[in-house]
């Protein structure tokens, strides 16, 4: 499932194939309702025994990529980046649409000018497939698994989609109403989560996403699941944070507290009629985010699955 999720092309704003795959992979017999909303989010709802509170858990399905802007000459096109990709992580990478492939290259001679988006182009190498303005491409890479690691494109955030799918398919009936939401367009403005939060208006919101090893982030792979205290724009609700720490320690879950200043996620989004939703984020540490070869550690995934399952029962 992780391999198939990773390899689907689902650039931000163009996620339908990913949503369709997830829809087919969920056992809806365990749910009271499952539907796709008008913006493209997949929402899975299970009514609680008492409906004391409504809890929403989300994982975004979209990935970074590029979109064709202009034809320069035969088989050569300029493009824009969708999401945050460093230009040096694009250079000489193979890119794929559903039935078209190309290679990113630069016109500049080595060491004369620093690479930037304005001098990067895509050389189409597909046989007979017409390239259109507006076509979107993701990294073209297979997902590989060893006994310890998983590596591939779009691991941000398909790995957390896998975790949320696993949670849904094994979810018991709890006291609280549970909304599990696979959101769209996180990499470009977080539109999906805004719509979902505004319509559902949950009492408690839990975000699932990856978080990179980086100079301005204390996360490390192999050191367990991340419990987010804060990122560059958001702060978890202190009571939910303290409960999650307590749950992790009581159940021998390997965890690390995340404090980062290198990015953010759907934790920061309030619904447009904000009535005071409490929020917290769970992070899966990774290396080489927003590249063709994002790397995660398998035991960290297992700790993340365990934390989510037990934490929900303790709210």
Protein backbone atom coordinates (compact mmCIF):
# COMPACT_ATOMS: atom_id res chain seq x y z
CA UNK A 1 0.00 0.00 0.00
CA UNK A 2 2.78 2.48 0.86
CA UNK A 3 4.55 1.78 -2.45
CA UNK A 4 1.37 2.32 -4.47
CA UNK A 5 0.47 5.48 -2.55
CA UNK A 6 3.95 6.90 -3.09
CA UNK A 7 4.04 6.28 -6.82
CA UNK A 8 0.67 7.86 -7.71
CA UNK A 9 0.99 11.30 -9.33
CA UNK A 10 -1.03 13.68 -7.14
CA UNK A 11 0.44 17.17 -7.27
CA UNK A 12 -1.31 19.82 -5.16
CA UNK A 13 -4.63 20.71 -6.79
CA UNK A 14 -4.60 17.54 -8.91
CA UNK A 15 -5.12 14.84 -6.27
CA UNK A 16 -8.09 12.87 -7.63
CA UNK A 17 -6.10 9.69 -8.40
CA UNK A 18 -4.78 9.59 -4.83
CA UNK A 19 -8.22 10.20 -3.34
CA UNK A 20 -9.70 7.45 -5.54
CA UNK A 21 -7.01 5.00 -4.41
CA UNK A 22 -7.58 5.77 -0.72
CA UNK A 23 -11.36 5.55 -1.16
CA UNK A 24 -11.00 2.04 -2.56
CA UNK A 25 -8.58 1.01 0.20
CA UNK A 26 -10.83 1.90 3.15
CA UNK A 27 -13.24 -0.61 4.64
CA UNK A 28 -16.36 1.57 4.73
CA UNK A 29 -18.25 -1.10 6.68
CA UNK A 30 -16.43 0.33 9.69
CA UNK A 31 -17.83 3.82 9.02
CA UNK A 32 -21.16 5.61 9.22
CA UNK A 33 -20.39 7.88 6.28
CA UNK A 34 -17.66 8.36 3.67
CA UNK A 35 -17.76 11.08 1.03
CA UNK A 36 -15.70 13.50 -1.04
CA UNK A 37 -16.55 17.16 -0.41
CA UNK A 38 -16.70 19.93 -3.01
CA UNK A 39 -13.02 20.88 -2.69
CA UNK A 40 -11.87 17.25 -3.05
CA UNK A 41 -11.21 16.15 0.54
CA UNK A 42 -12.13 12.56 1.44
CA UNK A 43 -14.03 12.52 4.74
CA UNK A 44 -14.58 9.35 6.77
CA UNK A 45 -17.01 9.62 9.69
CA UNK A 46 -17.71 7.22 12.56
CA UNK A 47 -20.35 8.13 15.12
CA UNK A 48 -19.39 7.75 18.76
CA UNK A 49 -21.34 5.98 21.51
CA UNK A 50 -22.17 9.27 23.24
CA UNK A 51 -20.93 11.86 20.70
CA UNK A 52 -19.47 13.71 23.68
CA UNK A 53 -16.94 15.45 21.47
CA UNK A 54 -16.08 15.57 17.78
CA UNK A 55 -12.47 14.74 16.93
CA UNK A 56 -10.96 15.37 13.52
CA UNK A 57 -7.73 13.76 12.29
CA UNK A 58 -6.22 14.82 8.98
CA UNK A 59 -3.39 13.86 6.63
CA UNK A 60 -2.82 15.71 3.37
CA UNK A 61 -2.62 13.65 0.18
CA UNK A 62 -1.00 16.12 -2.22
CA UNK A 63 2.67 16.35 -3.19
CA UNK A 64 5.00 18.98 -4.60
CA UNK A 65 5.64 19.10 -8.34
CA UNK A 66 5.83 21.31 -11.41
CA UNK A 67 3.34 22.69 -13.95
CA UNK A 68 4.07 23.44 -17.60
CA UNK A 69 3.97 27.18 -18.39
CA UNK A 70 5.31 27.75 -21.89
CA UNK A 71 6.74 25.94 -24.90
CA UNK A 72 10.24 27.25 -25.64
CA UNK A 73 11.09 25.02 -28.59
CA UNK A 74 10.55 21.41 -29.65
CA UNK A 75 10.45 19.22 -26.52
CA UNK A 76 11.64 22.11 -24.31
CA UNK A 77 9.27 23.80 -21.85
CA UNK A 78 9.43 26.27 -19.01
CA UNK A 79 7.53 25.47 -15.83
CA UNK A 80 6.48 26.76 -12.43
CA UNK A 81 6.98 24.93 -9.15
CA UNK A 82 3.91 23.81 -7.20
CA UNK A 83 4.88 23.72 -3.54
CA UNK A 84 8.34 24.28 -2.09
CA UNK A 85 11.07 22.46 -4.05
CA UNK A 86 14.65 23.69 -3.89
CA UNK A 87 15.90 24.20 -7.45
CA UNK A 88 18.99 22.03 -6.86
CA UNK A 89 16.67 19.14 -5.94
CA UNK A 90 15.01 19.45 -9.35
CA UNK A 91 18.10 19.56 -11.55
CA UNK A 92 18.52 16.46 -13.75
CA UNK A 93 15.55 14.74 -12.13
CA UNK A 94 13.15 12.65 -14.18
CA UNK A 95 9.57 13.91 -13.91
CA UNK A 96 6.34 12.11 -14.69
CA UNK A 97 2.76 12.93 -15.53
CA UNK A 98 0.26 10.11 -16.05
CA UNK A 99 1.67 9.18 -19.48
CA UNK A 100 4.47 11.68 -20.11
CA UNK A 101 8.02 11.96 -18.84
CA UNK A 102 10.74 14.58 -18.98
CA UNK A 103 14.12 15.58 -17.53
CA UNK A 104 14.83 18.85 -15.71
CA UNK A 105 17.92 20.62 -17.05
CA UNK A 106 19.61 24.02 -16.98
CA UNK A 107 20.92 26.13 -19.84
CA UNK A 108 23.66 27.55 -17.65
CA UNK A 109 27.19 26.22 -17.80
CA UNK A 110 28.41 24.69 -14.56
CA UNK A 111 29.78 27.10 -11.93
CA UNK A 112 28.98 30.26 -13.93
CA UNK A 113 25.70 31.15 -12.23
CA UNK A 114 23.84 29.61 -9.33
CA UNK A 115 20.91 27.52 -10.41
CA UNK A 116 17.50 29.14 -10.02
CA UNK A 117 14.03 28.41 -11.35
CA UNK A 118 14.32 30.91 -14.21
CA UNK A 119 17.09 28.92 -15.92
CA UNK A 120 15.61 25.47 -15.36
CA UNK A 121 13.58 23.77 -18.12
CA UNK A 122 12.05 20.38 -18.78
CA UNK A 123 13.12 18.29 -21.77
CA UNK A 124 10.22 16.02 -22.74
CA UNK A 125 11.24 12.49 -23.69
CA UNK A 126 7.82 10.82 -24.10
CA UNK A 127 6.95 9.11 -27.38
CA UNK A 128 4.06 10.78 -29.20
CA UNK A 129 2.31 12.17 -26.09
CA UNK A 130 1.20 15.77 -26.52
CA UNK A 131 2.36 18.17 -23.82
CA UNK A 132 -0.17 20.85 -22.88
CA UNK A 133 0.17 24.09 -21.01
CA UNK A 134 -1.01 23.33 -17.46
CA UNK A 135 0.15 19.69 -17.37
CA UNK A 136 1.51 18.77 -13.93
CA UNK A 137 4.44 16.46 -13.19
CA UNK A 138 5.78 14.86 -10.03
CA UNK A 139 9.15 13.25 -9.41
CA UNK A 140 9.38 9.95 -11.30
CA UNK A 141 10.75 7.45 -8.83
CA UNK A 142 9.88 4.02 -7.46
CA UNK A 143 9.29 3.49 -3.76
CA UNK A 144 11.79 1.08 -2.19
CA UNK A 145 11.66 -0.71 1.14
CA UNK A 146 14.38 -2.38 3.17
CA UNK A 147 14.17 -4.05 6.55
CA UNK A 148 14.64 -0.64 8.21
CA UNK A 149 13.72 2.12 5.76
CA UNK A 150 11.18 3.26 3.18
CA UNK A 151 12.37 5.66 0.48
CA UNK A 152 10.47 7.27 -2.37
CA UNK A 153 8.74 10.32 -3.76
CA UNK A 154 5.67 11.88 -2.09
CA UNK A 155 6.43 10.20 1.25
CA UNK A 156 5.34 13.67 2.39
CA UNK A 157 2.59 12.93 3.13
CA UNK A 158 1.45 9.59 1.70
CA UNK A 159 3.12 7.78 4.60
CA UNK A 160 0.71 9.49 7.01
CA UNK A 161 -2.18 8.71 4.64
CA UNK A 162 -1.19 5.07 5.07
CA UNK A 163 -1.14 5.49 8.87
CA UNK A 164 -4.60 7.11 8.83
CA UNK A 165 -6.01 4.40 6.52
CA UNK A 166 -4.69 1.75 8.91
CA UNK A 167 -6.30 3.58 11.82
CA UNK A 168 -9.70 3.76 10.08
CA UNK A 169 -9.70 0.09 9.08
CA UNK A 170 -9.02 -0.95 12.69
CA UNK A 171 -10.94 1.78 14.54
CA UNK A 172 -13.19 0.62 17.40
CA UNK A 173 -16.40 2.41 18.31
CA UNK A 174 -15.40 5.15 20.76
CA UNK A 175 -17.38 7.64 22.85
CA UNK A 176 -16.47 10.55 20.60
CA UNK A 177 -17.43 11.18 16.98
CA UNK A 178 -14.39 10.70 14.75
CA UNK A 179 -13.77 12.45 11.43
CA UNK A 180 -10.75 11.20 9.48
CA UNK A 181 -9.99 13.57 6.62
CA UNK A 182 -7.62 13.13 3.69
CA UNK A 183 -7.04 16.73 2.66
CA UNK A 184 -6.03 18.37 -0.62
CA UNK A 185 -3.89 21.39 -1.55
CA UNK A 186 -1.81 21.49 1.63
CA UNK A 187 1.34 22.34 -0.33
CA UNK A 188 -0.40 25.31 -2.00
CA UNK A 189 -2.31 27.36 0.56
CA UNK A 190 -3.89 24.60 2.69
CA UNK A 191 -7.29 25.11 1.10
CA UNK A 192 -8.56 21.60 1.83
CA UNK A 193 -8.09 21.76 5.59
CA UNK A 194 -9.70 25.23 5.74
CA UNK A 195 -12.85 23.89 4.09
CA UNK A 196 -12.93 20.70 6.21
CA UNK A 197 -12.43 22.49 9.53
CA UNK A 198 -15.00 25.16 8.68
CA UNK A 199 -17.65 22.59 7.73
CA UNK A 200 -17.00 20.05 10.51
CA UNK A 201 -16.06 22.50 13.31
CA UNK A 202 -14.45 19.79 15.52
CA UNK A 203 -13.83 20.18 19.23
CA UNK A 204 -10.36 18.62 18.85
CA UNK A 205 -8.11 18.48 15.81
CA UNK A 206 -5.08 16.19 15.29
CA UNK A 207 -2.72 16.73 12.37
CA UNK A 208 -0.56 13.93 10.92
CA UNK A 209 2.41 14.96 8.77
CA UNK A 210 6.10 14.31 8.25
CA UNK A 211 8.76 16.65 9.58
CA UNK A 212 12.34 16.86 8.28
CA UNK A 213 15.71 16.60 9.90
CA UNK A 214 16.96 20.15 9.35
CA UNK A 215 19.16 22.85 10.81
CA UNK A 216 16.13 24.63 12.30
CA UNK A 217 14.35 21.47 13.51
CA UNK A 218 15.31 19.12 16.33
CA UNK A 219 13.65 16.02 14.80
CA UNK A 220 15.75 12.91 14.10
CA UNK A 221 14.80 9.70 12.36
CA UNK A 222 15.20 6.51 14.42
CA UNK A 223 14.26 8.42 17.59
CA UNK A 224 10.54 7.79 17.52
CA UNK A 225 7.36 9.65 16.66
CA UNK A 226 7.31 13.42 17.05
CA UNK A 227 4.90 15.15 19.43
CA UNK A 228 4.73 18.76 18.25
CA UNK A 229 5.09 21.51 20.81
CA UNK A 230 5.52 24.18 18.14
CA UNK A 231 6.63 24.83 14.58
CA UNK A 232 7.40 28.12 12.86
CA UNK A 233 3.76 29.27 12.84
CA UNK A 234 1.76 26.99 15.14
CA UNK A 235 1.60 25.81 18.75
CA UNK A 236 -0.19 22.72 20.04
CA UNK A 237 -2.80 23.12 22.77
CA UNK A 238 -0.98 22.56 26.03
CA UNK A 239 -3.54 20.17 27.58
CA UNK A 240 -3.58 17.94 24.47
CA UNK A 241 0.22 18.06 24.35
CA UNK A 242 0.59 17.05 28.01
CA UNK A 243 -1.94 14.22 27.58
CA UNK A 244 -0.05 12.90 24.56
CA UNK A 245 3.25 12.91 26.45
CA UNK A 246 1.55 11.04 29.30
CA UNK A 247 0.05 8.46 26.92
CA UNK A 248 3.40 7.89 25.20
CA UNK A 249 5.28 7.39 28.46
CA UNK A 250 2.66 5.10 30.04
CA UNK A 251 2.60 2.88 26.94
CA UNK A 252 6.38 2.77 26.31
CA UNK A 253 6.04 4.58 22.98
CA UNK A 254 9.32 5.97 21.68
CA UNK A 255 8.75 9.70 21.12
CA UNK A 256 10.53 13.01 20.72
CA UNK A 257 9.22 16.50 21.36
CA UNK A 258 9.35 18.63 18.22
CA UNK A 259 10.25 22.31 18.35
CA UNK A 260 11.01 23.60 14.88
CA UNK A 261 11.38 26.88 13.05
CA UNK A 262 11.73 25.56 9.50
CA UNK A 263 8.15 25.24 8.30
CA UNK A 264 4.57 24.55 9.29
CA UNK A 265 1.58 22.33 8.51
CA UNK A 266 -2.19 22.14 8.87
CA UNK A 267 -1.86 22.63 12.63
CA UNK A 268 -2.02 26.39 12.05
CA UNK A 269 -5.36 26.51 10.24
CA UNK A 270 -8.47 27.65 12.10
CA UNK A 271 -11.96 27.18 10.72
CA UNK A 272 -13.52 30.34 9.32
CA UNK A 273 -16.08 30.35 12.15
CA UNK A 274 -13.46 29.47 14.76
CA UNK A 275 -15.14 28.50 18.03
CA UNK A 276 -11.90 27.51 19.71
CA UNK A 277 -10.89 24.12 18.36
CA UNK A 278 -8.07 22.57 20.38
CA UNK A 279 -5.22 21.35 18.16
CA UNK A 280 -2.18 19.11 18.27
CA UNK A 281 0.17 17.65 15.67
CA UNK A 282 1.93 14.29 15.42
CA UNK A 283 5.05 14.23 13.23
CA UNK A 284 6.86 11.41 11.50
CA UNK A 285 10.57 12.33 11.15
CA UNK A 286 12.06 12.09 7.67
CA UNK A 287 15.15 12.94 5.63
CA UNK A 288 15.32 14.70 2.23
CA UNK A 289 11.81 16.16 2.25
CA UNK A 290 10.34 17.46 -1.05
CA UNK A 291 12.77 15.45 -3.15
CA UNK A 292 12.55 12.27 -5.24
CA UNK A 293 14.04 10.27 -2.34
CA UNK A 294 12.38 11.07 0.98
CA UNK A 295 13.46 8.59 3.65
CA UNK A 296 11.58 7.35 6.75
CA UNK A 297 12.42 4.75 9.39
CA UNK A 298 9.98 1.87 9.72
CA UNK A 299 10.02 1.67 13.51
CA UNK A 300 9.13 5.38 13.71
CA UNK A 301 6.05 4.54 11.61
CA UNK A 302 5.02 1.80 14.03
CA UNK A 303 5.43 4.14 17.01
CA UNK A 304 3.28 6.74 15.22
CA UNK A 305 0.52 4.20 14.55
CA UNK A 306 0.58 3.06 18.17
CA UNK A 307 0.48 6.61 19.58
CA UNK A 308 -2.50 7.64 17.44
CA UNK A 309 -4.50 4.52 18.29
CA UNK A 310 -3.98 4.76 22.04
CA UNK A 311 -4.21 8.56 22.27
CA UNK A 312 -7.67 8.63 20.66
CA UNK A 313 -8.96 6.22 23.31
CA UNK A 314 -7.69 8.52 26.07
CA UNK A 315 -9.46 11.71 24.95
